[in-house]
Amino acid sequence: NQIRVSFDGGRNWKTTLEVSEAIDMVSLDKFHRRDKAFAEDIVGNFYVTESQGKEWLEIQRPFDVKESYSNTVESHPLSRNCLLLNCDIEYGDYDSGNFAGSKTEERSYLSTDCGMSFERIAAPVADYDVTSDMVNHGTECWFAFATCRSTLPRELIYGLHSIWSINEQGFTMQNRRKLFFSPDMGNTTKLVE
């Protein structure tokens, strides 16, 4: 339930984050790795450090996400405070006899204030009813500007909206995917034709 760091090659260790749930994942930010890292506990709470682990702040979950697991967070290569959060939200179980697991909805959120607030990125698809045969549905997004040397516009985000449903025997009945993009950091979205 804690993160410990050493600044002297492992001779001495100091607890810098202590939380009530077990820490499930710690990852270095791939663009700002010298100072910045993210941690997630087993119930989906996120933490960020910008001081090599000396101090940690909790990233506030989006208001419409009560519980989510197996989340990913990444920062923009050129903007330390710009984060993309992809959440997998479990909302029930399925058991077809051949396959069993958790039903999930994927959601993507953008923060421009290092996780203090988030706005959901909506795919430009028609509304649909979630049916009992759906196993997975939702949206996952990524920054298109993925390296500091990228020639793509820095505001470009791309995403994939998907719906996967199965029948009682576990065979795929529907597996649809729509690729889309946002030229303005999630404010508007357009389907790729």
N, C-alpha and C. Protein backbone atom coordinates (compact mmCIF):
# COMPACT_ATOMS: atom_id res chain seq x y z
N ASN A 1 0.81 -1.19 0.00
CA ASN A 1 0.00 0.00 0.00
C ASN A 1 0.85 1.26 0.00
N GLN A 2 2.09 1.10 -0.43
CA GLN A 2 2.97 2.27 -0.43
C GLN A 2 3.98 2.20 -1.56
N ILE A 3 4.52 3.37 -1.86
CA ILE A 3 5.61 3.46 -2.82
C ILE A 3 6.82 3.97 -2.05
N ARG A 4 7.92 3.26 -2.24
CA ARG A 4 9.18 3.64 -1.59
C ARG A 4 10.19 3.94 -2.68
N VAL A 5 11.00 4.97 -2.49
CA VAL A 5 12.01 5.35 -3.46
C VAL A 5 13.36 5.49 -2.78
N SER A 6 14.39 5.30 -3.60
CA SER A 6 15.76 5.47 -3.14
C SER A 6 16.46 6.46 -4.07
N PHE A 7 17.21 7.36 -3.48
CA PHE A 7 17.96 8.35 -4.26
C PHE A 7 19.47 8.15 -4.13
N ASP A 8 19.86 6.99 -3.55
CA ASP A 8 21.29 6.73 -3.37
C ASP A 8 21.67 5.31 -3.79
N GLY A 9 21.07 4.85 -4.88
CA GLY A 9 21.41 3.53 -5.42
C GLY A 9 20.89 2.38 -4.59
N GLY A 10 19.88 2.58 -3.78
CA GLY A 10 19.27 1.49 -3.03
C GLY A 10 19.78 1.31 -1.62
N ARG A 11 20.67 2.16 -1.16
CA ARG A 11 21.16 2.01 0.22
C ARG A 11 20.10 2.44 1.23
N ASN A 12 19.37 3.48 0.93
CA ASN A 12 18.33 3.98 1.83
C ASN A 12 17.04 4.14 1.04
N TRP A 13 15.93 3.82 1.67
CA TRP A 13 14.62 3.90 1.04
C TRP A 13 13.70 4.76 1.89
N LYS A 14 12.82 5.50 1.21
CA LYS A 14 11.89 6.39 1.88
C LYS A 14 10.49 6.16 1.32
N THR A 15 9.50 6.05 2.18
CA THR A 15 8.11 5.94 1.74
C THR A 15 7.63 7.32 1.33
N THR A 16 7.18 7.44 0.08
CA THR A 16 6.73 8.74 -0.41
C THR A 16 5.24 8.76 -0.74
N LEU A 17 4.61 7.60 -0.81
CA LEU A 17 3.16 7.53 -1.03
C LEU A 17 2.64 6.37 -0.22
N GLU A 18 1.63 6.64 0.59
CA GLU A 18 0.97 5.60 1.36
C GLU A 18 -0.53 5.76 1.17
N VAL A 19 -1.19 4.69 0.70
CA VAL A 19 -2.63 4.73 0.42
C VAL A 19 -3.30 3.52 1.06
N SER A 20 -4.62 3.54 1.11
CA SER A 20 -5.35 2.46 1.79
C SER A 20 -5.43 1.18 0.96
N GLU A 21 -5.32 1.29 -0.37
CA GLU A 21 -5.39 0.11 -1.24
C GLU A 21 -4.00 -0.22 -1.77
N ALA A 22 -3.81 -1.47 -2.19
CA ALA A 22 -2.51 -1.89 -2.71
C ALA A 22 -2.21 -1.21 -4.04
N ILE A 23 -0.97 -0.80 -4.23
CA ILE A 23 -0.53 -0.22 -5.50
C ILE A 23 -0.42 -1.35 -6.52
N ASP A 24 -1.07 -1.18 -7.66
CA ASP A 24 -1.12 -2.21 -8.68
C ASP A 24 -0.11 -1.96 -9.80
N MET A 25 0.18 -0.67 -10.08
CA MET A 25 1.03 -0.35 -11.22
C MET A 25 1.74 0.97 -10.97
N VAL A 26 3.00 1.01 -11.37
CA VAL A 26 3.77 2.26 -11.41
C VAL A 26 4.42 2.32 -12.78
N SER A 27 4.26 3.45 -13.49
CA SER A 27 4.87 3.57 -14.81
C SER A 27 5.50 4.94 -14.97
N LEU A 28 6.67 4.95 -15.57
CA LEU A 28 7.34 6.21 -15.87
C LEU A 28 6.66 6.85 -17.07
N ASP A 29 6.52 8.15 -17.03
CA ASP A 29 5.98 8.87 -18.17
C ASP A 29 7.00 8.76 -19.31
N LYS A 30 6.56 8.29 -20.48
CA LYS A 30 7.52 8.04 -21.55
C LYS A 30 8.12 9.30 -22.16
N PHE A 31 7.50 10.45 -21.93
CA PHE A 31 8.04 11.70 -22.47
C PHE A 31 8.73 12.56 -21.43
N HIS A 32 8.32 12.45 -20.19
CA HIS A 32 8.86 13.29 -19.13
C HIS A 32 9.41 12.40 -18.02
N ARG A 33 10.04 11.29 -18.39
CA ARG A 33 10.41 10.23 -17.47
C ARG A 33 11.45 10.62 -16.42
N ARG A 34 12.19 11.64 -16.65
CA ARG A 34 13.18 12.02 -15.65
C ARG A 34 12.52 12.39 -14.32
N ASP A 35 11.35 13.02 -14.38
CA ASP A 35 10.68 13.48 -13.17
C ASP A 35 9.31 12.87 -12.94
N LYS A 36 8.60 12.54 -14.00
CA LYS A 36 7.17 12.24 -13.91
C LYS A 36 6.89 10.75 -13.99
N ALA A 37 5.96 10.30 -13.13
CA ALA A 37 5.51 8.91 -13.15
C ALA A 37 4.06 8.87 -12.68
N PHE A 38 3.40 7.76 -13.00
CA PHE A 38 2.02 7.54 -12.61
C PHE A 38 1.94 6.26 -11.80
N ALA A 39 1.00 6.20 -10.86
CA ALA A 39 0.73 4.99 -10.09
C ALA A 39 -0.77 4.78 -10.06
N GLU A 40 -1.19 3.51 -9.98
CA GLU A 40 -2.60 3.18 -9.87
C GLU A 40 -2.75 2.13 -8.79
N ASP A 41 -3.78 2.27 -7.94
CA ASP A 41 -4.02 1.23 -6.94
C ASP A 41 -5.03 0.22 -7.49
N ILE A 42 -5.32 -0.81 -6.72
CA ILE A 42 -6.15 -1.92 -7.23
C ILE A 42 -7.61 -1.56 -7.43
N VAL A 43 -8.05 -0.39 -6.94
CA VAL A 43 -9.44 0.03 -7.18
C VAL A 43 -9.53 1.13 -8.22
N GLY A 44 -8.41 1.44 -8.90
CA GLY A 44 -8.45 2.38 -10.02
C GLY A 44 -8.17 3.82 -9.68
N ASN A 45 -7.67 4.12 -8.48
CA ASN A 45 -7.26 5.49 -8.17
C ASN A 45 -5.89 5.75 -8.77
N PHE A 46 -5.71 6.94 -9.34
CA PHE A 46 -4.46 7.31 -9.98
C PHE A 46 -3.71 8.35 -9.17
N TYR A 47 -2.38 8.29 -9.26
CA TYR A 47 -1.50 9.24 -8.59
C TYR A 47 -0.42 9.66 -9.57
N VAL A 48 0.07 10.89 -9.44
CA VAL A 48 1.12 11.39 -10.32
C VAL A 48 2.20 12.05 -9.48
N THR A 49 3.44 11.88 -9.90
CA THR A 49 4.56 12.61 -9.31
C THR A 49 5.26 13.37 -10.43
N GLU A 50 5.73 14.55 -10.11
CA GLU A 50 6.55 15.33 -11.05
C GLU A 50 7.87 15.68 -10.39
N SER A 51 8.22 14.90 -9.34
CA SER A 51 9.43 15.18 -8.57
C SER A 51 10.23 13.91 -8.31
N GLN A 52 10.27 13.02 -9.28
CA GLN A 52 10.98 11.74 -9.17
C GLN A 52 10.46 10.89 -8.03
N GLY A 53 9.20 11.04 -7.68
CA GLY A 53 8.60 10.22 -6.62
C GLY A 53 8.70 10.81 -5.24
N LYS A 54 9.26 11.99 -5.10
CA LYS A 54 9.37 12.59 -3.76
C LYS A 54 8.00 12.98 -3.22
N GLU A 55 7.13 13.49 -4.09
CA GLU A 55 5.77 13.90 -3.70
C GLU A 55 4.79 13.36 -4.73
N TRP A 56 3.61 12.97 -4.27
CA TRP A 56 2.58 12.41 -5.14
C TRP A 56 1.28 13.17 -4.94
N LEU A 57 0.51 13.33 -6.01
CA LEU A 57 -0.82 13.92 -5.98
C LEU A 57 -1.81 12.91 -6.55
N GLU A 58 -3.00 12.84 -5.97
CA GLU A 58 -4.03 11.98 -6.53
C GLU A 58 -4.67 12.68 -7.72
N ILE A 59 -4.80 11.94 -8.81
CA ILE A 59 -5.51 12.44 -9.98
C ILE A 59 -6.98 12.17 -9.74
N GLN A 60 -7.79 13.19 -9.87
CA GLN A 60 -9.22 13.04 -9.63
C GLN A 60 -9.86 12.24 -10.76
N ARG A 61 -10.59 11.23 -10.40
CA ARG A 61 -11.32 10.45 -11.39
C ARG A 61 -12.40 11.31 -12.05
N PRO A 62 -12.69 11.08 -13.32
CA PRO A 62 -13.82 11.79 -13.94
C PRO A 62 -15.09 11.55 -13.12
N PHE A 63 -15.94 12.55 -13.02
CA PHE A 63 -17.11 12.47 -12.15
C PHE A 63 -18.05 11.33 -12.49
N ASP A 64 -18.09 10.89 -13.75
CA ASP A 64 -19.01 9.83 -14.14
C ASP A 64 -18.39 8.44 -14.09
N VAL A 65 -17.19 8.32 -13.53
CA VAL A 65 -16.52 7.01 -13.39
C VAL A 65 -16.45 6.67 -11.91
N LYS A 66 -17.26 5.70 -11.51
CA LYS A 66 -17.27 5.29 -10.10
C LYS A 66 -16.14 4.31 -9.81
N GLU A 67 -16.02 3.29 -10.66
CA GLU A 67 -14.96 2.29 -10.51
C GLU A 67 -14.45 1.94 -11.90
N SER A 68 -13.16 1.80 -12.01
CA SER A 68 -12.57 1.34 -13.27
C SER A 68 -11.22 0.71 -12.96
N TYR A 69 -10.87 -0.27 -13.76
CA TYR A 69 -9.64 -1.02 -13.55
C TYR A 69 -8.91 -1.13 -14.88
N SER A 70 -7.66 -1.43 -14.83
CA SER A 70 -6.84 -1.55 -16.03
C SER A 70 -6.88 -0.26 -16.84
N ASN A 71 -6.74 0.85 -16.15
CA ASN A 71 -6.73 2.16 -16.81
C ASN A 71 -5.35 2.45 -17.37
N THR A 72 -5.30 3.35 -18.34
CA THR A 72 -4.02 3.84 -18.83
C THR A 72 -4.06 5.36 -18.84
N VAL A 73 -2.93 5.96 -18.55
CA VAL A 73 -2.82 7.41 -18.61
C VAL A 73 -1.52 7.73 -19.32
N GLU A 74 -1.57 8.72 -20.19
CA GLU A 74 -0.35 9.15 -20.87
C GLU A 74 -0.38 10.66 -21.01
N SER A 75 0.80 11.24 -21.02
CA SER A 75 0.88 12.68 -21.19
C SER A 75 1.29 13.03 -22.61
N HIS A 76 0.99 14.25 -22.98
CA HIS A 76 1.34 14.75 -24.30
C HIS A 76 2.85 14.99 -24.33
N PRO A 77 3.53 14.70 -25.45
CA PRO A 77 4.98 14.88 -25.52
C PRO A 77 5.45 16.31 -25.25
N LEU A 78 4.63 17.29 -25.60
CA LEU A 78 5.06 18.68 -25.46
C LEU A 78 4.36 19.43 -24.33
N SER A 79 3.38 18.82 -23.70
CA SER A 79 2.63 19.50 -22.64
C SER A 79 2.50 18.58 -21.43
N ARG A 80 3.25 18.85 -20.40
CA ARG A 80 3.27 18.01 -19.19
C ARG A 80 1.89 17.90 -18.55
N ASN A 81 1.08 18.93 -18.64
CA ASN A 81 -0.20 18.94 -17.96
C ASN A 81 -1.34 18.34 -18.77
N CYS A 82 -1.09 17.99 -20.02
CA CYS A 82 -2.12 17.44 -20.88
C CYS A 82 -2.07 15.91 -20.81
N LEU A 83 -3.16 15.31 -20.30
CA LEU A 83 -3.21 13.86 -20.09
C LEU A 83 -4.39 13.25 -20.83
N LEU A 84 -4.18 12.03 -21.34
CA LEU A 84 -5.27 11.20 -21.86
C LEU A 84 -5.45 10.04 -20.89
N LEU A 85 -6.67 9.86 -20.42
CA LEU A 85 -7.01 8.77 -19.51
C LEU A 85 -7.98 7.84 -20.22
N ASN A 86 -7.61 6.57 -20.36
CA ASN A 86 -8.49 5.56 -20.94
C ASN A 86 -8.92 4.63 -19.82
N CYS A 87 -10.23 4.53 -19.60
CA CYS A 87 -10.80 3.73 -18.51
C CYS A 87 -11.54 2.52 -19.05
N ASP A 88 -11.39 1.39 -18.39
CA ASP A 88 -12.19 0.20 -18.65
C ASP A 88 -13.14 0.05 -17.47
N ILE A 89 -14.41 0.23 -17.72
CA ILE A 89 -15.42 0.22 -16.66
C ILE A 89 -16.20 -1.09 -16.75
N GLU A 90 -16.11 -1.90 -15.71
CA GLU A 90 -16.84 -3.17 -15.67
C GLU A 90 -18.26 -2.91 -15.21
N TYR A 91 -19.23 -3.53 -15.91
CA TYR A 91 -20.63 -3.30 -15.55
C TYR A 91 -21.43 -4.58 -15.48
N GLY A 92 -20.80 -5.71 -15.36
CA GLY A 92 -21.51 -6.98 -15.26
C GLY A 92 -20.66 -8.11 -15.79
N ASP A 93 -21.20 -9.30 -15.71
CA ASP A 93 -20.49 -10.49 -16.17
C ASP A 93 -21.26 -11.15 -17.31
N TYR A 94 -20.53 -11.96 -18.07
CA TYR A 94 -21.18 -12.78 -19.09
C TYR A 94 -20.61 -14.18 -18.98
N ASP A 95 -21.44 -15.17 -19.32
CA ASP A 95 -21.01 -16.56 -19.31
C ASP A 95 -21.80 -17.27 -20.39
N SER A 96 -21.12 -17.61 -21.48
CA SER A 96 -21.80 -18.26 -22.60
C SER A 96 -21.61 -19.77 -22.58
N GLY A 97 -20.93 -20.26 -21.55
CA GLY A 97 -20.59 -21.68 -21.54
C GLY A 97 -19.21 -21.90 -22.10
N ASN A 98 -18.91 -21.27 -23.23
CA ASN A 98 -17.58 -21.38 -23.84
C ASN A 98 -16.65 -20.27 -23.36
N PHE A 99 -17.21 -19.10 -23.08
CA PHE A 99 -16.43 -17.96 -22.65
C PHE A 99 -17.12 -17.30 -21.45
N ALA A 100 -16.33 -16.76 -20.57
CA ALA A 100 -16.88 -16.03 -19.43
C ALA A 100 -15.94 -14.88 -19.10
N GLY A 101 -16.50 -13.84 -18.54
CA GLY A 101 -15.67 -12.70 -18.16
C GLY A 101 -16.52 -11.52 -17.74
N SER A 102 -15.89 -10.36 -17.70
CA SER A 102 -16.58 -9.13 -17.31
C SER A 102 -16.95 -8.32 -18.54
N LYS A 103 -18.14 -7.77 -18.54
CA LYS A 103 -18.54 -6.84 -19.59
C LYS A 103 -17.88 -5.50 -19.29
N THR A 104 -17.36 -4.84 -20.31
CA THR A 104 -16.66 -3.57 -20.09
C THR A 104 -17.11 -2.50 -21.08
N GLU A 105 -17.04 -1.28 -20.59
CA GLU A 105 -17.22 -0.11 -21.43
C GLU A 105 -15.92 0.67 -21.37
N GLU A 106 -15.41 1.05 -22.54
CA GLU A 106 -14.20 1.85 -22.61
C GLU A 106 -14.58 3.32 -22.76
N ARG A 107 -13.90 4.18 -21.99
CA ARG A 107 -14.13 5.62 -22.09
C ARG A 107 -12.79 6.33 -22.10
N SER A 108 -12.72 7.42 -22.85
CA SER A 108 -11.51 8.24 -22.92
C SER A 108 -11.81 9.65 -22.43
N TYR A 109 -10.85 10.20 -21.70
CA TYR A 109 -10.98 11.53 -21.12
C TYR A 109 -9.70 12.32 -21.36
N LEU A 110 -9.85 13.63 -21.48
CA LEU A 110 -8.71 14.52 -21.65
C LEU A 110 -8.66 15.50 -20.48
N SER A 111 -7.46 15.71 -19.96
CA SER A 111 -7.23 16.72 -18.92
C SER A 111 -6.15 17.67 -19.41
N THR A 112 -6.35 18.94 -19.19
CA THR A 112 -5.32 19.93 -19.53
C THR A 112 -4.70 20.53 -18.27
N ASP A 113 -5.09 19.99 -17.09
CA ASP A 113 -4.55 20.50 -15.82
C ASP A 113 -3.95 19.38 -14.97
N CYS A 114 -3.28 18.44 -15.62
CA CYS A 114 -2.58 17.33 -14.96
C CYS A 114 -3.49 16.48 -14.08
N GLY A 115 -4.72 16.27 -14.53
CA GLY A 115 -5.61 15.35 -13.84
C GLY A 115 -6.48 15.96 -12.77
N MET A 116 -6.50 17.25 -12.64
CA MET A 116 -7.39 17.88 -11.66
C MET A 116 -8.84 17.86 -12.15
N SER A 117 -9.04 17.86 -13.49
CA SER A 117 -10.37 17.74 -14.08
C SER A 117 -10.23 17.05 -15.43
N PHE A 118 -11.31 16.40 -15.86
CA PHE A 118 -11.33 15.66 -17.12
C PHE A 118 -12.59 15.96 -17.90
N GLU A 119 -12.45 15.94 -19.24
CA GLU A 119 -13.59 16.04 -20.16
C GLU A 119 -13.61 14.76 -20.99
N ARG A 120 -14.78 14.17 -21.11
CA ARG A 120 -14.92 12.94 -21.89
C ARG A 120 -14.82 13.26 -23.38
N ILE A 121 -14.14 12.39 -24.11
CA ILE A 121 -14.04 12.50 -25.57
C ILE A 121 -15.11 11.59 -26.16
N ALA A 122 -16.03 12.17 -26.88
CA ALA A 122 -17.14 11.41 -27.45
C ALA A 122 -16.87 11.06 -28.90
N ALA A 123 -17.06 9.81 -29.25
CA ALA A 123 -16.92 9.38 -30.64
C ALA A 123 -18.10 9.91 -31.45
N PRO A 124 -17.89 10.23 -32.73
CA PRO A 124 -18.98 10.75 -33.57
C PRO A 124 -19.82 9.62 -34.15
N VAL A 125 -20.42 8.83 -33.28
CA VAL A 125 -21.27 7.72 -33.72
C VAL A 125 -22.67 7.93 -33.16
N ALA A 126 -23.64 7.32 -33.81
CA ALA A 126 -25.02 7.42 -33.36
C ALA A 126 -25.17 6.74 -32.00
N ASP A 127 -26.06 7.26 -31.18
CA ASP A 127 -26.35 6.62 -29.90
C ASP A 127 -26.87 5.21 -30.16
N TYR A 128 -26.59 4.33 -29.25
CA TYR A 128 -27.05 2.96 -29.36
C TYR A 128 -27.41 2.47 -27.98
N ASP A 129 -28.32 1.51 -27.92
CA ASP A 129 -28.69 0.91 -26.65
C ASP A 129 -27.72 -0.21 -26.33
N VAL A 130 -27.30 -0.26 -25.08
CA VAL A 130 -26.46 -1.37 -24.63
C VAL A 130 -27.36 -2.56 -24.43
N THR A 131 -27.10 -3.63 -25.17
CA THR A 131 -27.93 -4.83 -25.09
C THR A 131 -27.22 -5.90 -24.28
N SER A 132 -27.96 -6.90 -23.85
CA SER A 132 -27.42 -7.94 -22.98
C SER A 132 -26.34 -8.78 -23.65
N ASP A 133 -26.31 -8.80 -24.99
CA ASP A 133 -25.30 -9.61 -25.69
C ASP A 133 -23.98 -8.85 -25.91
N MET A 134 -23.92 -7.57 -25.54
CA MET A 134 -22.68 -6.80 -25.70
C MET A 134 -21.69 -7.17 -24.60
N VAL A 135 -20.48 -7.49 -25.02
CA VAL A 135 -19.43 -7.86 -24.09
C VAL A 135 -18.49 -6.67 -23.86
N ASN A 136 -18.25 -5.91 -24.92
CA ASN A 136 -17.37 -4.75 -24.83
C ASN A 136 -17.87 -3.68 -25.78
N HIS A 137 -17.83 -2.43 -25.32
CA HIS A 137 -18.20 -1.32 -26.19
C HIS A 137 -17.56 -0.06 -25.66
N GLY A 138 -17.41 0.91 -26.52
CA GLY A 138 -16.91 2.20 -26.07
C GLY A 138 -15.78 2.73 -26.93
N THR A 139 -15.05 3.69 -26.35
CA THR A 139 -14.07 4.48 -27.08
C THR A 139 -12.73 4.48 -26.37
N GLU A 140 -11.67 4.36 -27.16
CA GLU A 140 -10.31 4.49 -26.65
C GLU A 140 -9.56 5.47 -27.55
N CYS A 141 -8.78 6.39 -26.95
CA CYS A 141 -8.11 7.45 -27.72
C CYS A 141 -6.62 7.51 -27.42
N TRP A 142 -5.88 8.13 -28.37
CA TRP A 142 -4.44 8.31 -28.24
C TRP A 142 -4.04 9.65 -28.85
N PHE A 143 -2.93 10.20 -28.37
CA PHE A 143 -2.37 11.38 -29.00
C PHE A 143 -1.72 10.96 -30.31
N ALA A 144 -2.02 11.64 -31.41
CA ALA A 144 -1.38 11.34 -32.69
C ALA A 144 0.06 11.85 -32.68
N PHE A 145 0.28 12.94 -32.00
CA PHE A 145 1.61 13.54 -31.85
C PHE A 145 2.32 12.69 -30.79
N ALA A 146 2.96 11.61 -31.23
CA ALA A 146 3.44 10.60 -30.29
C ALA A 146 4.94 10.67 -29.99
N THR A 147 5.66 11.54 -30.65
CA THR A 147 7.07 11.74 -30.32
C THR A 147 7.36 13.23 -30.41
N CYS A 148 8.43 13.64 -29.80
CA CYS A 148 8.79 15.06 -29.84
C CYS A 148 9.17 15.51 -31.25
N ARG A 149 9.45 14.54 -32.14
CA ARG A 149 9.84 14.87 -33.52
C ARG A 149 8.69 14.71 -34.52
N SER A 150 7.49 14.45 -34.02
CA SER A 150 6.35 14.21 -34.90
C SER A 150 6.06 15.43 -35.78
N THR A 151 5.62 15.16 -37.00
CA THR A 151 5.23 16.24 -37.91
C THR A 151 3.72 16.44 -37.94
N LEU A 152 2.99 15.62 -37.17
CA LEU A 152 1.53 15.76 -37.10
C LEU A 152 1.18 16.95 -36.22
N PRO A 153 -0.01 17.52 -36.40
CA PRO A 153 -0.42 18.64 -35.54
C PRO A 153 -0.48 18.21 -34.08
N ARG A 154 0.00 19.04 -33.19
CA ARG A 154 0.09 18.68 -31.78
C ARG A 154 -1.28 18.52 -31.13
N GLU A 155 -2.35 19.08 -31.71
CA GLU A 155 -3.70 19.00 -31.14
C GLU A 155 -4.46 17.76 -31.61
N LEU A 156 -3.87 16.96 -32.50
CA LEU A 156 -4.56 15.83 -33.11
C LEU A 156 -4.64 14.63 -32.16
N ILE A 157 -5.86 14.13 -32.00
CA ILE A 157 -6.12 12.91 -31.23
C ILE A 157 -6.85 11.95 -32.16
N TYR A 158 -6.52 10.66 -32.09
CA TYR A 158 -7.30 9.70 -32.86
C TYR A 158 -7.89 8.68 -31.89
N GLY A 159 -8.99 8.05 -32.32
CA GLY A 159 -9.67 7.12 -31.44
C GLY A 159 -10.33 5.99 -32.20
N LEU A 160 -10.71 4.98 -31.46
CA LEU A 160 -11.39 3.82 -32.01
C LEU A 160 -12.62 3.56 -31.16
N HIS A 161 -13.78 3.56 -31.81
CA HIS A 161 -15.03 3.21 -31.12
C HIS A 161 -15.39 1.80 -31.56
N SER A 162 -15.70 0.94 -30.60
CA SER A 162 -15.98 -0.46 -30.95
C SER A 162 -17.18 -1.00 -30.20
N ILE A 163 -17.81 -1.99 -30.80
CA ILE A 163 -18.91 -2.74 -30.19
C ILE A 163 -18.66 -4.21 -30.50
N TRP A 164 -18.64 -5.04 -29.46
CA TRP A 164 -18.46 -6.48 -29.63
C TRP A 164 -19.56 -7.18 -28.85
N SER A 165 -20.32 -8.02 -29.55
CA SER A 165 -21.37 -8.79 -28.88
C SER A 165 -21.27 -10.25 -29.31
N ILE A 166 -21.75 -11.12 -28.41
CA ILE A 166 -21.70 -12.56 -28.66
C ILE A 166 -23.07 -13.17 -28.41
N ASN A 167 -23.27 -14.39 -28.95
CA ASN A 167 -24.52 -15.10 -28.69
C ASN A 167 -24.35 -16.04 -27.49
N GLU A 168 -25.38 -16.84 -27.21
CA GLU A 168 -25.35 -17.72 -26.04
C GLU A 168 -24.23 -18.76 -26.11
N GLN A 169 -23.79 -19.12 -27.30
CA GLN A 169 -22.71 -20.10 -27.46
C GLN A 169 -21.32 -19.45 -27.41
N GLY A 170 -21.27 -18.14 -27.37
CA GLY A 170 -19.99 -17.45 -27.31
C GLY A 170 -19.44 -17.03 -28.66
N PHE A 171 -20.23 -17.20 -29.72
CA PHE A 171 -19.77 -16.81 -31.05
C PHE A 171 -20.04 -15.33 -31.28
N THR A 172 -19.12 -14.68 -31.97
CA THR A 172 -19.26 -13.26 -32.24
C THR A 172 -20.46 -13.00 -33.14
N MET A 173 -21.33 -12.12 -32.68
CA MET A 173 -22.50 -11.72 -33.47
C MET A 173 -22.27 -10.36 -34.12
N GLN A 174 -21.47 -9.54 -33.45
CA GLN A 174 -21.23 -8.19 -33.95
C GLN A 174 -19.84 -7.76 -33.46
N ASN A 175 -19.05 -7.24 -34.39
CA ASN A 175 -17.74 -6.73 -34.04
C ASN A 175 -17.48 -5.53 -34.95
N ARG A 176 -17.98 -4.37 -34.52
CA ARG A 176 -17.88 -3.16 -35.34
C ARG A 176 -16.86 -2.22 -34.73
N ARG A 177 -16.11 -1.56 -35.60
CA ARG A 177 -15.13 -0.57 -35.15
C ARG A 177 -15.21 0.64 -36.08
N LYS A 178 -15.09 1.81 -35.47
CA LYS A 178 -15.09 3.06 -36.23
C LYS A 178 -13.88 3.87 -35.80
N LEU A 179 -13.05 4.23 -36.77
CA LEU A 179 -11.89 5.07 -36.53
C LEU A 179 -12.31 6.52 -36.66
N PHE A 180 -11.88 7.35 -35.72
CA PHE A 180 -12.23 8.77 -35.78
C PHE A 180 -11.04 9.60 -35.31
N PHE A 181 -11.14 10.91 -35.49
CA PHE A 181 -10.07 11.80 -35.05
C PHE A 181 -10.65 13.10 -34.53
N SER A 182 -9.85 13.80 -33.78
CA SER A 182 -10.20 15.12 -33.28
C SER A 182 -9.04 16.06 -33.62
N PRO A 183 -9.29 17.09 -34.41
CA PRO A 183 -8.21 18.01 -34.77
C PRO A 183 -7.93 19.06 -33.69
N ASP A 184 -8.77 19.08 -32.63
CA ASP A 184 -8.70 20.17 -31.65
C ASP A 184 -8.74 19.67 -30.20
N MET A 185 -7.97 18.65 -29.91
CA MET A 185 -7.84 18.10 -28.55
C MET A 185 -9.17 17.67 -27.95
N GLY A 186 -10.01 17.02 -28.75
CA GLY A 186 -11.23 16.43 -28.24
C GLY A 186 -12.45 17.30 -28.24
N ASN A 187 -12.33 18.55 -28.65
CA ASN A 187 -13.51 19.43 -28.68
C ASN A 187 -14.51 18.98 -29.73
N THR A 188 -14.02 18.59 -30.90
CA THR A 188 -14.88 18.04 -31.95
C THR A 188 -14.27 16.75 -32.44
N THR A 189 -15.10 15.86 -32.98
CA THR A 189 -14.60 14.58 -33.50
C THR A 189 -15.23 14.33 -34.86
N LYS A 190 -14.49 13.61 -35.73
CA LYS A 190 -14.96 13.32 -37.08
C LYS A 190 -14.56 11.87 -37.43
N LEU A 191 -15.45 11.18 -38.12
CA LEU A 191 -15.14 9.83 -38.58
C LEU A 191 -14.10 9.89 -39.69
N VAL A 192 -13.24 8.88 -39.74
CA VAL A 192 -12.32 8.72 -40.86
C VAL A 192 -13.10 8.03 -41.95
N GLU A 193 -13.15 8.66 -43.12
CA GLU A 193 -13.93 8.10 -44.24
C GLU A 193 -13.11 7.11 -45.01
